[in-house]
Amino acid sequence: MTVFSPALKTFVVFNAKGFNHLRFTVDRKARSLSEQIYKLGLMQFVREVISKAKMYVDYRRNSIPSGFVEYWSLVAFVGKIKVKVIVKRDNGKGKFYFWSLMKAK
């Protein structure tokens, strides 16, 4: 599945990497059951946030042994809830993909 992001001017892909990140931390430790339920409960809003956000609110680029990763934060209100979606891309090339989500402050 893909969703077009006006903020990134490209499609965002949904794959196993993002889903696994909702269940496990970066160092592959299982998240607590309450955190998993919290994040999975927000999944219903992901497509709407990606398609509604007109600009990204944060950009980060981190070095890793195999190159670098980029992260963009997209924020939008869904009803009365402000939700932040993190989109990731590896090594400045390839597809943008859903990475994480949380309620925004």
C-alpha atoms as a PDB file:
ATOM      1  CA  MET A   1       0.000   0.000   0.000  1.00  0.00           C
ATOM      2  CA  THR A   2       1.176   3.542  -0.696  1.00  0.00           C
ATOM      3  CA  VAL A   3      -0.121   7.016   0.197  1.00  0.00           C
ATOM      4  CA  PHE A   4       0.890  10.247  -1.515  1.00  0.00           C
ATOM      5  CA  SER A   5       2.486  12.823   0.788  1.00  0.00           C
ATOM      6  CA  PRO A   6       2.097  16.470  -0.307  1.00  0.00           C
ATOM      7  CA  ALA A   7       4.768  17.423   2.255  1.00  0.00           C
ATOM      8  CA  LEU A   8       7.363  15.078   0.751  1.00  0.00           C
ATOM      9  CA  LYS A   9       6.005  15.270  -2.818  1.00  0.00           C
ATOM     10  CA  THR A  10       6.232  11.506  -3.169  1.00  0.00           C
ATOM     11  CA  PHE A  11       4.519   8.283  -2.195  1.00  0.00           C
ATOM     12  CA  VAL A  12       5.082   6.685   1.200  1.00  0.00           C
ATOM     13  CA  VAL A  13       5.217   2.889   1.249  1.00  0.00           C
ATOM     14  CA  PHE A  14       3.958   0.670   4.058  1.00  0.00           C
ATOM     15  CA  ASN A  15       6.117  -2.399   4.631  1.00  0.00           C
ATOM     16  CA  ALA A  16       7.224  -4.821   7.337  1.00  0.00           C
ATOM     17  CA  LYS A  17      10.008  -2.482   8.541  1.00  0.00           C
ATOM     18  CA  GLY A  18       7.569   0.074   9.926  1.00  0.00           C
ATOM     19  CA  PHE A  19       5.200  -2.522  11.338  1.00  0.00           C
ATOM     20  CA  ASN A  20       8.087  -4.283  13.088  1.00  0.00           C
ATOM     21  CA  HIS A  21       9.270  -0.963  14.522  1.00  0.00           C
ATOM     22  CA  LEU A  22       5.872  -0.546  16.181  1.00  0.00           C
ATOM     23  CA  ARG A  23       6.417  -3.869  17.961  1.00  0.00           C
ATOM     24  CA  PHE A  24      10.169  -3.755  18.620  1.00  0.00           C
ATOM     25  CA  THR A  25      12.772  -1.115  19.466  1.00  0.00           C
ATOM     26  CA  VAL A  26      15.736  -0.373  17.185  1.00  0.00           C
ATOM     27  CA  ASP A  27      17.857  -2.809  19.198  1.00  0.00           C
ATOM     28  CA  ARG A  28      15.196  -5.498  18.604  1.00  0.00           C
ATOM     29  CA  LYS A  29      13.777  -5.619  22.101  1.00  0.00           C
ATOM     30  CA  ALA A  30      10.024  -6.081  22.305  1.00  0.00           C
ATOM     31  CA  ARG A  31       8.142  -2.934  23.242  1.00  0.00           C
ATOM     32  CA  SER A  32       5.834  -3.223  26.236  1.00  0.00           C
ATOM     33  CA  LEU A  33       2.381  -4.541  25.464  1.00  0.00           C
ATOM     34  CA  SER A  34       0.829  -1.196  26.433  1.00  0.00           C
ATOM     35  CA  GLU A  35       3.151   0.692  24.048  1.00  0.00           C
ATOM     36  CA  GLN A  36       2.373  -1.732  21.221  1.00  0.00           C
ATOM     37  CA  ILE A  37      -1.377  -1.328  21.797  1.00  0.00           C
ATOM     38  CA  TYR A  38      -0.976   2.477  21.936  1.00  0.00           C
ATOM     39  CA  LYS A  39       0.937   2.628  18.630  1.00  0.00           C
ATOM     40  CA  LEU A  40      -1.225   0.063  16.840  1.00  0.00           C
ATOM     41  CA  GLY A  41      -4.335   1.926  18.021  1.00  0.00           C
ATOM     42  CA  LEU A  42      -3.098   5.049  16.213  1.00  0.00           C
ATOM     43  CA  MET A  43      -2.559   3.147  12.931  1.00  0.00           C
ATOM     44  CA  GLN A  44      -6.076   4.037  11.808  1.00  0.00           C
ATOM     45  CA  PHE A  45      -4.876   7.659  11.421  1.00  0.00           C
ATOM     46  CA  VAL A  46      -1.636   7.108   9.486  1.00  0.00           C
ATOM     47  CA  ARG A  47      -2.959   7.433   5.945  1.00  0.00           C
ATOM     48  CA  GLU A  48      -4.907  10.583   6.786  1.00  0.00           C
ATOM     49  CA  VAL A  49      -1.925  12.264   8.472  1.00  0.00           C
ATOM     50  CA  ILE A  50       0.377  11.497   5.537  1.00  0.00           C
ATOM     51  CA  SER A  51      -2.121  12.776   2.987  1.00  0.00           C
ATOM     52  CA  LYS A  52      -3.139  15.884   5.019  1.00  0.00           C
ATOM     53  CA  ALA A  53       0.270  17.189   6.120  1.00  0.00           C
ATOM     54  CA  LYS A  54       1.365  19.967   3.774  1.00  0.00           C
ATOM     55  CA  MET A  55       4.885  20.288   5.197  1.00  0.00           C
ATOM     56  CA  TYR A  56       7.168  18.301   7.425  1.00  0.00           C
ATOM     57  CA  VAL A  57       7.879  19.659  10.884  1.00  0.00           C
ATOM     58  CA  ASP A  58      11.233  17.984  11.473  1.00  0.00           C
ATOM     59  CA  TYR A  59      14.016  16.403   9.415  1.00  0.00           C
ATOM     60  CA  ARG A  60      16.908  14.334  10.736  1.00  0.00           C
ATOM     61  CA  ARG A  61      19.804  12.581   9.100  1.00  0.00           C
ATOM     62  CA  ASN A  62      21.759  10.019  11.119  1.00  0.00           C
ATOM     63  CA  SER A  63      24.976   8.256  10.155  1.00  0.00           C
ATOM     64  CA  ILE A  64      25.052   4.475  10.405  1.00  0.00           C
ATOM     65  CA  PRO A  65      27.808   1.983   9.503  1.00  0.00           C
ATOM     66  CA  SER A  66      26.270   1.293   6.087  1.00  0.00           C
ATOM     67  CA  GLY A  67      25.662   4.968   5.195  1.00  0.00           C
ATOM     68  CA  PHE A  68      22.893   7.126   6.623  1.00  0.00           C
ATOM     69  CA  VAL A  69      19.170   7.256   7.268  1.00  0.00           C
ATOM     70  CA  GLU A  70      16.786  10.184   6.930  1.00  0.00           C
ATOM     71  CA  TYR A  71      13.639  10.806   8.970  1.00  0.00           C
ATOM     72  CA  TRP A  72      10.799  13.245   8.356  1.00  0.00           C
ATOM     73  CA  SER A  73       8.045  14.069  10.870  1.00  0.00           C
ATOM     74  CA  LEU A  74       4.581  14.778   9.491  1.00  0.00           C
ATOM     75  CA  VAL A  75       1.899  16.170  11.793  1.00  0.00           C
ATOM     76  CA  ALA A  76      -1.826  16.657  11.274  1.00  0.00           C
ATOM     77  CA  PHE A  77      -5.021  16.803  13.280  1.00  0.00           C
ATOM     78  CA  VAL A  78      -7.364  13.881  12.859  1.00  0.00           C
ATOM     79  CA  GLY A  79     -10.513  15.075  14.541  1.00  0.00           C
ATOM     80  CA  LYS A  80      -9.329  16.450  17.884  1.00  0.00           C
ATOM     81  CA  ILE A  81      -6.189  14.294  17.993  1.00  0.00           C
ATOM     82  CA  LYS A  82      -2.836  15.650  16.794  1.00  0.00           C
ATOM     83  CA  VAL A  83      -0.819  12.751  15.374  1.00  0.00           C
ATOM     84  CA  LYS A  84       2.824  12.628  14.296  1.00  0.00           C
ATOM     85  CA  VAL A  85       3.964  10.133  11.662  1.00  0.00           C
ATOM     86  CA  ILE A  86       7.641   9.400  11.047  1.00  0.00           C
ATOM     87  CA  VAL A  87       8.717   8.572   7.492  1.00  0.00           C
ATOM     88  CA  LYS A  88      12.134   7.055   6.816  1.00  0.00           C
ATOM     89  CA  ARG A  89      14.451   6.629   3.821  1.00  0.00           C
ATOM     90  CA  ASP A  90      17.740   4.724   3.722  1.00  0.00           C
ATOM     91  CA  ASN A  91      20.934   6.191   2.226  1.00  0.00           C
ATOM     92  CA  GLY A  92      19.236   9.092   0.456  1.00  0.00           C
ATOM     93  CA  LYS A  93      17.769   6.839  -2.192  1.00  0.00           C
ATOM     94  CA  GLY A  94      15.005   4.355  -2.534  1.00  0.00           C
ATOM     95  CA  LYS A  95      11.489   4.587  -1.285  1.00  0.00           C
ATOM     96  CA  PHE A  96      10.154   6.656   1.562  1.00  0.00           C
ATOM     97  CA  TYR A  97       8.459   4.339   4.023  1.00  0.00           C
ATOM     98  CA  PHE A  98       6.306   4.579   7.116  1.00  0.00           C
ATOM     99  CA  TRP A  99       8.433   4.148  10.245  1.00  0.00           C
ATOM    100  CA  SER A 100       6.494   5.160  13.358  1.00  0.00           C
ATOM    101  CA  LEU A 101       3.711   7.235  14.880  1.00  0.00           C
ATOM    102  CA  MET A 102       2.631   8.836  18.134  1.00  0.00           C
ATOM    103  CA  LYS A 103       0.374  11.551  19.469  1.00  0.00           C
ATOM    104  CA  ALA A 104       1.990  14.937  18.822  1.00  0.00           C
ATOM    105  CA  LYS A 105       2.400  17.624  21.435  1.00  0.00           C
END
